[in-house]
């Protein structure tokens, strides 16, 4: 390759390099700022293709989508002077590129550090004003709304950041306190179990005693009714027997004697010693 060709190729490459450095591209999920020697000259570069002066202008690009940042698990003191370990996260996005770049230099980690410091301070104040129950359940949603509003106001003013939401993922007691809480809960549950068991035994004894009383009443009523029916039956039997006896006394005496003979001499081995003139043998003597 001759020198002229080499020179032409070099010039072409230089021109292409200069042209490429004059063009910049910003995506739909981004916004940018134009900086000239460290000074912001355009803080609102929208998505698309643009031109800049090489070696003088620099384009800084920022993601304007909502970002999620987890906070570190931190201990906070409640109104009851009890420690809670709170694990939370923050949803945020950039809304003022100029202020954001001025404060953070475009460093996302620095922005998160500054924002989390504000969130932790606000969360500390909110927890200190409430009891454990209110932090965990009673006023949790209200506390998060207030925290989001206050943090959002500060972040917009100081960092050009909008705080979309602040949420608590988990609330725990320190390990040293958790064991005592679990023991107290266990003792309380055992006490409640003993009370329920005692109440159950008392109720069971009451039901058993009531059942036994009802059984005795039913048995007494049944016995009374049976005795009444038996008495009525005996009276009716006696009445029938008396009526029959009154119709034919001789036949009744004969019939009763036959029954007595049958009962007395039911077996071949049955034996009875009587006098010959015994009344029991009356019909045997007068068989005719």
Foldseek 3Di string as FASTA:
>chain_A
DDPVVVVVVVVVVVVVVQVVQFKDFAAQQKFKFKDFPNHTDGFTHHGDMGTDHPPGIDIDMDGFDKDKAKDDFDWAAALVRFIKTWTKMWIKGAQGRVLQCVVQVRDPVSLVVVLVVLLVVLVNVLRHDHDPCCCVPVVVVVSFVVSQVVSQVVCCVRRRMGTPGMHIPDMGGPPVVVVVVVVVVVVVVVVVVVVVVVVVVVVVVVVVVVVVVVVVVVVVVVVVVVVVVVVVVVVVVVVVLVVVCVVPVVVSVVVVLVVVVCVQPVDVPRDDDDDPPDPSCVCVVVVD
